[in-house]
C-alpha atoms as a PDB file:
ATOM      1  CA  UNK A   1      -0.241   0.103  -0.071  1.00  0.00           C
ATOM      2  CA  UNK A   2       1.418   3.232  -1.197  1.00  0.00           C
ATOM      3  CA  UNK A   3       2.185   5.655   2.501  1.00  0.00           C
ATOM      4  CA  UNK A   4       0.660   8.642  -0.139  1.00  0.00           C
ATOM      5  CA  UNK A   5      -1.834  10.094  -0.165  1.00  0.00           C
ATOM      6  CA  UNK A   6      -4.065   9.087  -3.080  1.00  0.00           C
ATOM      7  CA  UNK A   7      -7.191  10.922  -4.596  1.00  0.00           C
ATOM      8  CA  UNK A   8      -9.628   7.917  -5.963  1.00  0.00           C
ATOM      9  CA  UNK A   9     -10.274   7.655 -10.153  1.00  0.00           C
ATOM     10  CA  UNK A  10     -12.577   6.174 -12.095  1.00  0.00           C
ATOM     11  CA  UNK A  11     -10.108   3.870 -12.792  1.00  0.00           C
ATOM     12  CA  UNK A  12      -9.880   2.642  -8.747  1.00  0.00           C
ATOM     13  CA  UNK A  13     -13.532   2.114 -10.045  1.00  0.00           C
ATOM     14  CA  UNK A  14     -13.195  -0.758 -11.749  1.00  0.00           C
ATOM     15  CA  UNK A  15      -9.664  -1.917 -10.310  1.00  0.00           C
ATOM     16  CA  UNK A  16     -10.452  -4.168  -7.018  1.00  0.00           C
ATOM     17  CA  UNK A  17      -6.978  -3.563  -6.018  1.00  0.00           C
ATOM     18  CA  UNK A  18      -7.022  -0.063  -6.229  1.00  0.00           C
ATOM     19  CA  UNK A  19     -10.800  -0.342  -4.563  1.00  0.00           C
ATOM     20  CA  UNK A  20      -9.391  -1.678  -1.853  1.00  0.00           C
ATOM     21  CA  UNK A  21      -5.912   0.633  -1.410  1.00  0.00           C
ATOM     22  CA  UNK A  22      -8.381   3.078  -1.469  1.00  0.00           C
ATOM     23  CA  UNK A  23     -10.677   2.199   1.787  1.00  0.00           C
ATOM     24  CA  UNK A  24      -7.674   1.455   3.448  1.00  0.00           C
ATOM     25  CA  UNK A  25      -6.047   4.370   2.801  1.00  0.00           C
ATOM     26  CA  UNK A  26      -9.845   6.042   4.022  1.00  0.00           C
ATOM     27  CA  UNK A  27      -9.880   3.892   6.822  1.00  0.00           C
ATOM     28  CA  UNK A  28      -7.534   4.816  10.673  1.00  0.00           C
ATOM     29  CA  UNK A  29      -5.255   2.213  11.003  1.00  0.00           C
ATOM     30  CA  UNK A  30      -6.625  -0.331  13.782  1.00  0.00           C
ATOM     31  CA  UNK A  31      -4.520  -1.145  16.770  1.00  0.00           C
END
């Protein structure tokens, strides 16, 4: 997963890996 923040793009909508990465980036780190 990239440490740098990223903006959701239309391509991510069709990219499962990109979608997961976006969710992980938007989700706070769990303890």
